[in-house]
Amino acid sequence: MPDVRAEFIGSKDAFRPRIKNERNVELGFEGHHYYDDIRRWMELPQIMSSKLIANIPQKVAVSSTYPTGYQYIRTELSADRQPTWEEGMYYLPFLNADALKMKDFVSNPVW
């Protein structure tokens, strides 16, 4: 690996994206590390605030442009299908079997 360029080691705010990128490269195929990392780095509100878009197929006449007879149109999902964020989502839910073992346990209301 080459040395880190001087422009990135001048401050914590400049170096942090390099660390995040390196984690993504090194752990890319290691399971769900990305989702754990965005929770660890407290970035979930920014990520969960983005809009979800789906490719909706529409039937059209078969042609050289649309050989399958479908045209896919990118459409923003309705408001009830968009992600929502609450602070309690930083904490994972207890398994029901574990929650039942604790006498006075009250679950996180988000879950």
PDB file of N, CA and C in Angstrom:
ATOM      1  N   MET A   1       0.844  -1.188   0.000  1.00  0.00           N
ATOM      2  CA  MET A   1       0.000   0.000   0.000  1.00  0.00           C
ATOM      3  C   MET A   1       0.884   1.244   0.000  1.00  0.00           C
ATOM      4  N   PRO A   2       0.502   2.224  -0.793  1.00  0.00           N
ATOM      5  CA  PRO A   2       1.253   3.482  -0.759  1.00  0.00           C
ATOM      6  C   PRO A   2       0.956   4.243   0.534  1.00  0.00           C
ATOM      7  N   ASP A   3       1.858   5.161   0.872  1.00  0.00           N
ATOM      8  CA  ASP A   3       1.643   5.987   2.049  1.00  0.00           C
ATOM      9  C   ASP A   3       0.426   6.875   1.848  1.00  0.00           C
ATOM     10  N   VAL A   4      -0.206   7.259   2.953  1.00  0.00           N
ATOM     11  CA  VAL A   4      -1.351   8.162   2.907  1.00  0.00           C
ATOM     12  C   VAL A   4      -0.841   9.549   2.526  1.00  0.00           C
ATOM     13  N   ARG A   5      -1.518  10.199   1.600  1.00  0.00           N
ATOM     14  CA  ARG A   5      -1.093  11.526   1.157  1.00  0.00           C
ATOM     15  C   ARG A   5      -1.201  12.537   2.291  1.00  0.00           C
ATOM     16  N   ALA A   6      -0.313  13.510   2.282  1.00  0.00           N
ATOM     17  CA  ALA A   6      -0.232  14.509   3.356  1.00  0.00           C
ATOM     18  C   ALA A   6      -1.531  15.291   3.526  1.00  0.00           C
ATOM     19  N   GLU A   7      -2.284  15.489   2.460  1.00  0.00           N
ATOM     20  CA  GLU A   7      -3.531  16.264   2.558  1.00  0.00           C
ATOM     21  C   GLU A   7      -4.575  15.580   3.447  1.00  0.00           C
ATOM     22  N   PHE A   8      -4.453  14.262   3.646  1.00  0.00           N
ATOM     23  CA  PHE A   8      -5.427  13.529   4.455  1.00  0.00           C
ATOM     24  C   PHE A   8      -5.016  13.394   5.920  1.00  0.00           C
ATOM     25  N   ILE A   9      -3.757  13.597   6.244  1.00  0.00           N
ATOM     26  CA  ILE A   9      -3.325  13.387   7.624  1.00  0.00           C
ATOM     27  C   ILE A   9      -3.253  14.685   8.421  1.00  0.00           C
ATOM     28  N   GLY A  10      -3.692  15.783   7.836  1.00  0.00           N
ATOM     29  CA  GLY A  10      -3.650  17.066   8.522  1.00  0.00           C
ATOM     30  C   GLY A  10      -4.696  17.225   9.606  1.00  0.00           C
ATOM     31  N   SER A  11      -5.838  16.548   9.455  1.00  0.00           N
ATOM     32  CA  SER A  11      -6.893  16.691  10.457  1.00  0.00           C
ATOM     33  C   SER A  11      -7.727  15.415  10.530  1.00  0.00           C
ATOM     34  N   LYS A  12      -8.425  15.291  11.630  1.00  0.00           N
ATOM     35  CA  LYS A  12      -9.298  14.136  11.846  1.00  0.00           C
ATOM     36  C   LYS A  12     -10.418  14.107  10.798  1.00  0.00           C
ATOM     37  N   ASP A  13     -10.986  15.291  10.484  1.00  0.00           N
ATOM     38  CA  ASP A  13     -12.103  15.357   9.524  1.00  0.00           C
ATOM     39  C   ASP A  13     -11.668  14.986   8.111  1.00  0.00           C
ATOM     40  N   ALA A  14     -10.414  15.228   7.770  1.00  0.00           N
ATOM     41  CA  ALA A  14      -9.917  14.849   6.446  1.00  0.00           C
ATOM     42  C   ALA A  14      -9.547  13.371   6.386  1.00  0.00           C
ATOM     43  N   PHE A  15      -9.104  12.807   7.505  1.00  0.00           N
ATOM     44  CA  PHE A  15      -8.632  11.421   7.515  1.00  0.00           C
ATOM     45  C   PHE A  15      -9.753  10.401   7.680  1.00  0.00           C
ATOM     46  N   ARG A  16     -10.814  10.772   8.375  1.00  0.00           N
ATOM     47  CA  ARG A  16     -11.898   9.830   8.662  1.00  0.00           C
ATOM     48  C   ARG A  16     -12.511   9.198   7.397  1.00  0.00           C
ATOM     49  N   PRO A  17     -12.807   9.950   6.325  1.00  0.00           N
ATOM     50  CA  PRO A  17     -13.331   9.291   5.114  1.00  0.00           C
ATOM     51  C   PRO A  17     -12.376   8.260   4.525  1.00  0.00           C
ATOM     52  N   ARG A  18     -11.064   8.462   4.678  1.00  0.00           N
ATOM     53  CA  ARG A  18     -10.090   7.480   4.190  1.00  0.00           C
ATOM     54  C   ARG A  18     -10.202   6.185   5.000  1.00  0.00           C
ATOM     55  N   ILE A  19     -10.396   6.307   6.309  1.00  0.00           N
ATOM     56  CA  ILE A  19     -10.555   5.121   7.159  1.00  0.00           C
ATOM     57  C   ILE A  19     -11.829   4.378   6.778  1.00  0.00           C
ATOM     58  N   LYS A  20     -12.917   5.110   6.580  1.00  0.00           N
ATOM     59  CA  LYS A  20     -14.187   4.474   6.206  1.00  0.00           C
ATOM     60  C   LYS A  20     -14.066   3.762   4.868  1.00  0.00           C
ATOM     61  N   ASN A  21     -13.392   4.392   3.919  1.00  0.00           N
ATOM     62  CA  ASN A  21     -13.196   3.769   2.614  1.00  0.00           C
ATOM     63  C   ASN A  21     -12.349   2.502   2.756  1.00  0.00           C
ATOM     64  N   GLU A  22     -11.306   2.547   3.543  1.00  0.00           N
ATOM     65  CA  GLU A  22     -10.452   1.376   3.725  1.00  0.00           C
ATOM     66  C   GLU A  22     -11.224   0.227   4.366  1.00  0.00           C
ATOM     67  N   ARG A  23     -12.078   0.526   5.331  1.00  0.00           N
ATOM     68  CA  ARG A  23     -12.914  -0.526   5.937  1.00  0.00           C
ATOM     69  C   ARG A  23     -13.837  -1.149   4.887  1.00  0.00           C
ATOM     70  N   ASN A  24     -14.412  -0.317   4.013  1.00  0.00           N
ATOM     71  CA  ASN A  24     -15.287  -0.855   2.974  1.00  0.00           C
ATOM     72  C   ASN A  24     -14.520  -1.749   2.006  1.00  0.00           C
ATOM     73  N   VAL A  25     -13.292  -1.371   1.666  1.00  0.00           N
ATOM     74  CA  VAL A  25     -12.480  -2.187   0.761  1.00  0.00           C
ATOM     75  C   VAL A  25     -12.084  -3.501   1.437  1.00  0.00           C
ATOM     76  N   GLU A  26     -11.582  -3.418   2.662  1.00  0.00           N
ATOM     77  CA  GLU A  26     -11.091  -4.604   3.359  1.00  0.00           C
ATOM     78  C   GLU A  26     -12.207  -5.562   3.766  1.00  0.00           C
ATOM     79  N   LEU A  27     -13.361  -5.035   4.146  1.00  0.00           N
ATOM     80  CA  LEU A  27     -14.434  -5.878   4.673  1.00  0.00           C
ATOM     81  C   LEU A  27     -15.617  -5.995   3.712  1.00  0.00           C
ATOM     82  N   GLY A  28     -15.400  -5.687   2.465  1.00  0.00           N
ATOM     83  CA  GLY A  28     -16.476  -5.644   1.479  1.00  0.00           C
ATOM     84  C   GLY A  28     -17.310  -6.907   1.389  1.00  0.00           C
ATOM     85  N   PHE A  29     -16.710  -8.067   1.549  1.00  0.00           N
ATOM     86  CA  PHE A  29     -17.434  -9.326   1.409  1.00  0.00           C
ATOM     87  C   PHE A  29     -17.510 -10.085   2.732  1.00  0.00           C
ATOM     88  N   GLU A  30     -17.491  -9.364   3.828  1.00  0.00           N
ATOM     89  CA  GLU A  30     -17.463  -9.985   5.154  1.00  0.00           C
ATOM     90  C   GLU A  30     -18.802  -9.911   5.877  1.00  0.00           C
ATOM     91  N   GLY A  31     -19.888  -9.883   5.190  1.00  0.00           N
ATOM     92  CA  GLY A  31     -21.187  -9.864   5.855  1.00  0.00           C
ATOM     93  C   GLY A  31     -21.760  -8.461   5.941  1.00  0.00           C
ATOM     94  N   HIS A  32     -22.329  -8.155   7.079  1.00  0.00           N
ATOM     95  CA  HIS A  32     -23.071  -6.911   7.237  1.00  0.00           C
ATOM     96  C   HIS A  32     -22.275  -5.823   7.940  1.00  0.00           C
ATOM     97  N   HIS A  33     -20.967  -5.762   7.732  1.00  0.00           N
ATOM     98  CA  HIS A  33     -20.160  -4.762   8.437  1.00  0.00           C
ATOM     99  C   HIS A  33     -20.601  -3.347   8.101  1.00  0.00           C
ATOM    100  N   TYR A  34     -21.059  -3.099   6.871  1.00  0.00           N
ATOM    101  CA  TYR A  34     -21.461  -1.747   6.466  1.00  0.00           C
ATOM    102  C   TYR A  34     -22.569  -1.217   7.371  1.00  0.00           C
ATOM    103  N   TYR A  35     -23.563  -2.042   7.636  1.00  0.00           N
ATOM    104  CA  TYR A  35     -24.685  -1.612   8.470  1.00  0.00           C
ATOM    105  C   TYR A  35     -24.254  -1.420   9.919  1.00  0.00           C
ATOM    106  N   ASP A  36     -23.319  -2.246  10.378  1.00  0.00           N
ATOM    107  CA  ASP A  36     -22.787  -2.047  11.723  1.00  0.00           C
ATOM    108  C   ASP A  36     -21.970  -0.763  11.788  1.00  0.00           C
ATOM    109  N   ASP A  37     -21.205  -0.492  10.727  1.00  0.00           N
ATOM    110  CA  ASP A  37     -20.376   0.710  10.712  1.00  0.00           C
ATOM    111  C   ASP A  37     -21.207   1.986  10.686  1.00  0.00           C
ATOM    112  N   ILE A  38     -22.262   2.038   9.890  1.00  0.00           N
ATOM    113  CA  ILE A  38     -23.046   3.279   9.867  1.00  0.00           C
ATOM    114  C   ILE A  38     -23.770   3.497  11.189  1.00  0.00           C
ATOM    115  N   ARG A  39     -24.067   2.436  11.913  1.00  0.00           N
ATOM    116  CA  ARG A  39     -24.603   2.608  13.268  1.00  0.00           C
ATOM    117  C   ARG A  39     -23.498   3.081  14.208  1.00  0.00           C
ATOM    118  N   ARG A  40     -22.325   2.484  14.109  1.00  0.00           N
ATOM    119  CA  ARG A  40     -21.200   2.844  14.975  1.00  0.00           C
ATOM    120  C   ARG A  40     -20.791   4.297  14.765  1.00  0.00           C
ATOM    121  N   TRP A  41     -20.790   4.753  13.522  1.00  0.00           N
ATOM    122  CA  TRP A  41     -20.354   6.117  13.209  1.00  0.00           C
ATOM    123  C   TRP A  41     -21.493   7.130  13.311  1.00  0.00           C
ATOM    124  N   MET A  42     -22.660   6.684  13.762  1.00  0.00           N
ATOM    125  CA  MET A  42     -23.829   7.554  13.946  1.00  0.00           C
ATOM    126  C   MET A  42     -24.232   8.268  12.647  1.00  0.00           C
ATOM    127  N   GLU A  43     -24.191   7.539  11.524  1.00  0.00           N
ATOM    128  CA  GLU A  43     -24.549   8.099  10.225  1.00  0.00           C
ATOM    129  C   GLU A  43     -25.926   7.646   9.745  1.00  0.00           C
ATOM    130  N   LEU A  44     -26.624   6.884  10.541  1.00  0.00           N
ATOM    131  CA  LEU A  44     -27.922   6.365  10.107  1.00  0.00           C
ATOM    132  C   LEU A  44     -28.939   7.450   9.751  1.00  0.00           C
ATOM    133  N   PRO A  45     -29.050   8.540  10.508  1.00  0.00           N
ATOM    134  CA  PRO A  45     -30.057   9.547  10.127  1.00  0.00           C
ATOM    135  C   PRO A  45     -29.844  10.105   8.720  1.00  0.00           C
ATOM    136  N   GLN A  46     -28.584  10.338   8.323  1.00  0.00           N
ATOM    137  CA  GLN A  46     -28.322  10.855   6.977  1.00  0.00           C
ATOM    138  C   GLN A  46     -28.654   9.812   5.913  1.00  0.00           C
ATOM    139  N   ILE A  47     -28.309   8.571   6.166  1.00  0.00           N
ATOM    140  CA  ILE A  47     -28.548   7.515   5.182  1.00  0.00           C
ATOM    141  C   ILE A  47     -30.028   7.179   5.091  1.00  0.00           C
ATOM    142  N   MET A  48     -30.707   7.134   6.229  1.00  0.00           N
ATOM    143  CA  MET A  48     -32.130   6.806   6.232  1.00  0.00           C
ATOM    144  C   MET A  48     -32.990   7.945   5.699  1.00  0.00           C
ATOM    145  N   SER A  49     -32.433   9.139   5.556  1.00  0.00           N
ATOM    146  CA  SER A  49     -33.228  10.256   5.046  1.00  0.00           C
ATOM    147  C   SER A  49     -33.232  10.313   3.519  1.00  0.00           C
ATOM    148  N   SER A  50     -32.450   9.470   2.853  1.00  0.00           N
ATOM    149  CA  SER A  50     -32.455   9.467   1.394  1.00  0.00           C
ATOM    150  C   SER A  50     -33.728   8.798   0.871  1.00  0.00           C
ATOM    151  N   LYS A  51     -34.154   9.180  -0.299  1.00  0.00           N
ATOM    152  CA  LYS A  51     -35.382   8.658  -0.898  1.00  0.00           C
ATOM    153  C   LYS A  51     -35.112   7.334  -1.619  1.00  0.00           C
ATOM    154  N   LEU A  52     -36.010   6.379  -1.466  1.00  0.00           N
ATOM    155  CA  LEU A  52     -35.909   5.101  -2.171  1.00  0.00           C
ATOM    156  C   LEU A  52     -36.589   5.218  -3.523  1.00  0.00           C
ATOM    157  N   ILE A  53     -35.929   4.652  -4.521  1.00  0.00           N
ATOM    158  CA  ILE A  53     -36.434   4.697  -5.898  1.00  0.00           C
ATOM    159  C   ILE A  53     -36.504   3.269  -6.414  1.00  0.00           C
ATOM    160  N   ALA A  54     -37.550   2.944  -7.154  1.00  0.00           N
ATOM    161  CA  ALA A  54     -37.718   1.605  -7.706  1.00  0.00           C
ATOM    162  C   ALA A  54     -37.814   1.687  -9.230  1.00  0.00           C
ATOM    163  N   ASN A  55     -37.409   0.618  -9.890  1.00  0.00           N
ATOM    164  CA  ASN A  55     -37.592   0.501 -11.338  1.00  0.00           C
ATOM    165  C   ASN A  55     -38.914  -0.215 -11.581  1.00  0.00           C
ATOM    166  N   ILE A  56     -39.886   0.514 -12.082  1.00  0.00           N
ATOM    167  CA  ILE A  56     -41.218  -0.039 -12.303  1.00  0.00           C
ATOM    168  C   ILE A  56     -41.342  -0.441 -13.781  1.00  0.00           C
ATOM    169  N   PRO A  57     -41.650  -1.722 -14.061  1.00  0.00           N
ATOM    170  CA  PRO A  57     -41.789  -2.125 -15.460  1.00  0.00           C
ATOM    171  C   PRO A  57     -43.145  -1.703 -16.026  1.00  0.00           C
ATOM    172  N   GLN A  58     -43.129  -1.239 -17.260  1.00  0.00           N
ATOM    173  CA  GLN A  58     -44.363  -0.922 -17.981  1.00  0.00           C
ATOM    174  C   GLN A  58     -44.347  -1.667 -19.305  1.00  0.00           C
ATOM    175  N   LYS A  59     -45.458  -2.281 -19.620  1.00  0.00           N
ATOM    176  CA  LYS A  59     -45.576  -3.062 -20.855  1.00  0.00           C
ATOM    177  C   LYS A  59     -45.629  -2.112 -22.045  1.00  0.00           C
ATOM    178  N   VAL A  60     -44.772  -2.367 -23.040  1.00  0.00           N
ATOM    179  CA  VAL A  60     -44.746  -1.596 -24.286  1.00  0.00           C
ATOM    180  C   VAL A  60     -44.648  -2.581 -25.442  1.00  0.00           C
ATOM    181  N   ALA A  61     -44.800  -2.070 -26.612  1.00  0.00           N
ATOM    182  CA  ALA A  61     -44.692  -2.931 -27.794  1.00  0.00           C
ATOM    183  C   ALA A  61     -43.261  -3.429 -27.947  1.00  0.00           C
ATOM    184  N   VAL A  62     -43.124  -4.684 -28.341  1.00  0.00           N
ATOM    185  CA  VAL A  62     -41.804  -5.252 -28.565  1.00  0.00           C
ATOM    186  C   VAL A  62     -41.175  -4.561 -29.757  1.00  0.00           C
ATOM    187  N   SER A  63     -39.942  -4.090 -29.581  1.00  0.00           N
ATOM    188  CA  SER A  63     -39.214  -3.409 -30.656  1.00  0.00           C
ATOM    189  C   SER A  63     -37.731  -3.630 -30.432  1.00  0.00           C
ATOM    190  N   SER A  64     -36.907  -3.074 -31.318  1.00  0.00           N
ATOM    191  CA  SER A  64     -35.458  -3.217 -31.123  1.00  0.00           C
ATOM    192  C   SER A  64     -35.004  -2.460 -29.878  1.00  0.00           C
ATOM    193  N   THR A  65     -35.711  -1.390 -29.520  1.00  0.00           N
ATOM    194  CA  THR A  65     -35.375  -0.634 -28.317  1.00  0.00           C
ATOM    195  C   THR A  65     -35.783  -1.394 -27.062  1.00  0.00           C
ATOM    196  N   TYR A  66     -36.950  -2.052 -27.099  1.00  0.00           N
ATOM    197  CA  TYR A  66     -37.473  -2.808 -25.960  1.00  0.00           C
ATOM    198  C   TYR A  66     -37.732  -4.249 -26.392  1.00  0.00           C
ATOM    199  N   PRO A  67     -36.686  -5.073 -26.524  1.00  0.00           N
ATOM    200  CA  PRO A  67     -36.866  -6.436 -27.032  1.00  0.00           C
ATOM    201  C   PRO A  67     -37.671  -7.339 -26.100  1.00  0.00           C
ATOM    202  N   THR A  68     -37.738  -6.997 -24.816  1.00  0.00           N
ATOM    203  CA  THR A  68     -38.506  -7.823 -23.883  1.00  0.00           C
ATOM    204  C   THR A  68     -39.963  -7.381 -23.794  1.00  0.00           C
ATOM    205  N   GLY A  69     -40.280  -6.224 -24.360  1.00  0.00           N
ATOM    206  CA  GLY A  69     -41.640  -5.717 -24.270  1.00  0.00           C
ATOM    207  C   GLY A  69     -41.913  -4.936 -23.005  1.00  0.00           C
ATOM    208  N   TYR A  70     -40.848  -4.604 -22.249  1.00  0.00           N
ATOM    209  CA  TYR A  70     -41.005  -3.827 -21.016  1.00  0.00           C
ATOM    210  C   TYR A  70     -40.057  -2.635 -21.027  1.00  0.00           C
ATOM    211  N   GLN A  71     -40.568  -1.537 -20.536  1.00  0.00           N
ATOM    212  CA  GLN A  71     -39.758  -0.349 -20.311  1.00  0.00           C
ATOM    213  C   GLN A  71     -39.730  -0.118 -18.808  1.00  0.00           C
ATOM    214  N   TYR A  72     -38.542   0.094 -18.250  1.00  0.00           N
ATOM    215  CA  TYR A  72     -38.409   0.293 -16.813  1.00  0.00           C
ATOM    216  C   TYR A  72     -38.262   1.782 -16.516  1.00  0.00           C
ATOM    217  N   ILE A  73     -39.136   2.276 -15.648  1.00  0.00           N
ATOM    218  CA  ILE A  73     -39.148   3.694 -15.308  1.00  0.00           C
ATOM    219  C   ILE A  73     -38.797   3.842 -13.836  1.00  0.00           C
ATOM    220  N   ARG A  74     -37.797   4.689 -13.567  1.00  0.00           N
ATOM    221  CA  ARG A  74     -37.392   4.944 -12.177  1.00  0.00           C
ATOM    222  C   ARG A  74     -38.421   5.849 -11.533  1.00  0.00           C
ATOM    223  N   THR A  75     -38.995   5.381 -10.424  1.00  0.00           N
ATOM    224  CA  THR A  75     -40.053   6.106  -9.735  1.00  0.00           C
ATOM    225  C   THR A  75     -39.759   6.128  -8.237  1.00  0.00           C
ATOM    226  N   GLU A  76     -39.935   7.294  -7.625  1.00  0.00           N
ATOM    227  CA  GLU A  76     -39.760   7.389  -6.178  1.00  0.00           C
ATOM    228  C   GLU A  76     -40.915   6.662  -5.503  1.00  0.00           C
ATOM    229  N   LEU A  77     -40.592   5.855  -4.492  1.00  0.00           N
ATOM    230  CA  LEU A  77     -41.627   5.120  -3.778  1.00  0.00           C
ATOM    231  C   LEU A  77     -42.498   6.073  -2.970  1.00  0.00           C
ATOM    232  N   SER A  78     -43.702   5.649  -2.674  1.00  0.00           N
ATOM    233  CA  SER A  78     -44.640   6.486  -1.922  1.00  0.00           C
ATOM    234  C   SER A  78     -44.120   6.735  -0.508  1.00  0.00           C
ATOM    235  N   ALA A  79     -44.685   7.724   0.151  1.00  0.00           N
ATOM    236  CA  ALA A  79     -44.212   8.138   1.481  1.00  0.00           C
ATOM    237  C   ALA A  79     -44.292   7.014   2.505  1.00  0.00           C
ATOM    238  N   ASP A  80     -45.293   6.134   2.404  1.00  0.00           N
ATOM    239  CA  ASP A  80     -45.405   5.049   3.381  1.00  0.00           C
ATOM    240  C   ASP A  80     -44.376   3.941   3.154  1.00  0.00           C
ATOM    241  N   ARG A  81     -43.654   3.970   2.036  1.00  0.00           N
ATOM    242  CA  ARG A  81     -42.615   2.982   1.742  1.00  0.00           C
ATOM    243  C   ARG A  81     -41.205   3.542   1.959  1.00  0.00           C
ATOM    244  N   GLN A  82     -41.109   4.812   2.322  1.00  0.00           N
ATOM    245  CA  GLN A  82     -39.810   5.447   2.541  1.00  0.00           C
ATOM    246  C   GLN A  82     -39.292   5.107   3.938  1.00  0.00           C
ATOM    247  N   PRO A  83     -37.963   5.063   4.102  1.00  0.00           N
ATOM    248  CA  PRO A  83     -37.411   4.742   5.417  1.00  0.00           C
ATOM    249  C   PRO A  83     -37.661   5.858   6.417  1.00  0.00           C
ATOM    250  N   THR A  84     -37.819   5.479   7.657  1.00  0.00           N
ATOM    251  CA  THR A  84     -37.967   6.445   8.736  1.00  0.00           C
ATOM    252  C   THR A  84     -36.884   6.165   9.767  1.00  0.00           C
ATOM    253  N   TRP A  85     -36.540   7.150  10.539  1.00  0.00           N
ATOM    254  CA  TRP A  85     -35.477   7.003  11.514  1.00  0.00           C
ATOM    255  C   TRP A  85     -35.923   7.494  12.875  1.00  0.00           C
ATOM    256  N   GLU A  86     -35.598   6.720  13.897  1.00  0.00           N
ATOM    257  CA  GLU A  86     -35.819   7.118  15.284  1.00  0.00           C
ATOM    258  C   GLU A  86     -34.555   6.772  16.057  1.00  0.00           C
ATOM    259  N   GLU A  87     -34.220   7.557  17.062  1.00  0.00           N
ATOM    260  CA  GLU A  87     -32.991   7.365  17.831  1.00  0.00           C
ATOM    261  C   GLU A  87     -32.877   5.956  18.427  1.00  0.00           C
ATOM    262  N   GLY A  88     -33.994   5.356  18.786  1.00  0.00           N
ATOM    263  CA  GLY A  88     -33.962   4.025  19.385  1.00  0.00           C
ATOM    264  C   GLY A  88     -33.464   2.950  18.444  1.00  0.00           C
ATOM    265  N   MET A  89     -33.377   3.237  17.153  1.00  0.00           N
ATOM    266  CA  MET A  89     -32.918   2.244  16.191  1.00  0.00           C
ATOM    267  C   MET A  89     -31.411   2.010  16.257  1.00  0.00           C
ATOM    268  N   TYR A  90     -30.693   2.859  16.988  1.00  0.00           N
ATOM    269  CA  TYR A  90     -29.273   2.591  17.185  1.00  0.00           C
ATOM    270  C   TYR A  90     -29.068   1.330  18.017  1.00  0.00           C
ATOM    271  N   TYR A  91     -30.057   0.951  18.789  1.00  0.00           N
ATOM    272  CA  TYR A  91     -29.961  -0.202  19.668  1.00  0.00           C
ATOM    273  C   TYR A  91     -30.746  -1.358  19.076  1.00  0.00           C
ATOM    274  N   LEU A  92     -30.112  -2.504  19.002  1.00  0.00           N
ATOM    275  CA  LEU A  92     -30.767  -3.668  18.412  1.00  0.00           C
ATOM    276  C   LEU A  92     -31.815  -4.224  19.367  1.00  0.00           C
ATOM    277  N   PRO A  93     -32.855  -4.860  18.832  1.00  0.00           N
ATOM    278  CA  PRO A  93     -33.876  -5.438  19.711  1.00  0.00           C
ATOM    279  C   PRO A  93     -33.359  -6.699  20.403  1.00  0.00           C
ATOM    280  N   PHE A  94     -33.914  -6.985  21.559  1.00  0.00           N
ATOM    281  CA  PHE A  94     -33.629  -8.241  22.244  1.00  0.00           C
ATOM    282  C   PHE A  94     -34.422  -9.351  21.562  1.00  0.00           C
ATOM    283  N   LEU A  95     -33.866 -10.539  21.568  1.00  0.00           N
ATOM    284  CA  LEU A  95     -34.637 -11.690  21.114  1.00  0.00           C
ATOM    285  C   LEU A  95     -35.783 -11.901  22.087  1.00  0.00           C
ATOM    286  N   ASN A  96     -36.926 -12.331  21.600  1.00  0.00           N
ATOM    287  CA  ASN A  96     -38.084 -12.541  22.456  1.00  0.00           C
ATOM    288  C   ASN A  96     -37.782 -13.562  23.551  1.00  0.00           C
ATOM    289  N   ALA A  97     -37.032 -14.607  23.211  1.00  0.00           N
ATOM    290  CA  ALA A  97     -36.692 -15.625  24.201  1.00  0.00           C
ATOM    291  C   ALA A  97     -35.874 -15.027  25.341  1.00  0.00           C
ATOM    292  N   ASP A  98     -34.958 -14.105  25.027  1.00  0.00           N
ATOM    293  CA  ASP A  98     -34.160 -13.456  26.070  1.00  0.00           C
ATOM    294  C   ASP A  98     -34.999 -12.472  26.868  1.00  0.00           C
ATOM    295  N   ALA A  99     -35.884 -11.749  26.215  1.00  0.00           N
ATOM    296  CA  ALA A  99     -36.726 -10.778  26.909  1.00  0.00           C
ATOM    297  C   ALA A  99     -37.645 -11.473  27.918  1.00  0.00           C
ATOM    298  N   LEU A 100     -38.120 -12.663  27.575  1.00  0.00           N
ATOM    299  CA  LEU A 100     -39.011 -13.387  28.476  1.00  0.00           C
ATOM    300  C   LEU A 100     -38.285 -13.908  29.723  1.00  0.00           C
ATOM    301  N   LYS A 101     -36.959 -14.028  29.677  1.00  0.00           N
ATOM    302  CA  LYS A 101     -36.181 -14.506  30.818  1.00  0.00           C
ATOM    303  C   LYS A 101     -36.043 -13.448  31.900  1.00  0.00           C
ATOM    304  N   MET A 102     -36.205 -12.165  31.523  1.00  0.00           N
ATOM    305  CA  MET A 102     -35.988 -11.074  32.476  1.00  0.00           C
ATOM    306  C   MET A 102     -37.320 -10.645  33.076  1.00  0.00           C
ATOM    307  N   LYS A 103     -37.375 -10.631  34.381  1.00  0.00           N
ATOM    308  CA  LYS A 103     -38.624 -10.402  35.100  1.00  0.00           C
ATOM    309  C   LYS A 103     -39.229  -9.023  34.832  1.00  0.00           C
ATOM    310  N   ASP A 104     -38.465  -7.959  34.994  1.00  0.00           N
ATOM    311  CA  ASP A 104     -38.991  -6.597  34.859  1.00  0.00           C
ATOM    312  C   ASP A 104     -38.520  -5.915  33.578  1.00  0.00           C
ATOM    313  N   PHE A 105     -38.266  -6.668  32.556  1.00  0.00           N
ATOM    314  CA  PHE A 105     -37.733  -6.114  31.308  1.00  0.00           C
ATOM    315  C   PHE A 105     -38.819  -5.366  30.534  1.00  0.00           C
ATOM    316  N   VAL A 106     -38.456  -4.181  30.053  1.00  0.00           N
ATOM    317  CA  VAL A 106     -39.319  -3.398  29.169  1.00  0.00           C
ATOM    318  C   VAL A 106     -38.534  -3.171  27.884  1.00  0.00           C
ATOM    319  N   SER A 107     -39.072  -3.595  26.779  1.00  0.00           N
ATOM    320  CA  SER A 107     -38.368  -3.505  25.501  1.00  0.00           C
ATOM    321  C   SER A 107     -38.299  -2.065  25.010  1.00  0.00           C
ATOM    322  N   ASN A 108     -37.349  -1.822  24.134  1.00  0.00           N
ATOM    323  CA  ASN A 108     -37.208  -0.531  23.474  1.00  0.00           C
ATOM    324  C   ASN A 108     -38.497  -0.277  22.687  1.00  0.00           C
ATOM    325  N   PRO A 109     -39.210   0.834  22.913  1.00  0.00           N
ATOM    326  CA  PRO A 109     -40.493   1.051  22.256  1.00  0.00           C
ATOM    327  C   PRO A 109     -40.410   1.143  20.731  1.00  0.00           C
ATOM    328  N   VAL A 110     -39.234   1.452  20.194  1.00  0.00           N
ATOM    329  CA  VAL A 110     -39.087   1.533  18.736  1.00  0.00           C
ATOM    330  C   VAL A 110     -39.261   0.173  18.112  1.00  0.00           C
ATOM    331  N   TRP A 111     -38.768  -0.858  18.764  1.00  0.00           N
ATOM    332  CA  TRP A 111     -38.853  -2.206  18.209  1.00  0.00           C
ATOM    333  C   TRP A 111     -40.128  -2.856  18.667  1.00  0.00           C
TER     334      TRP A 111
END
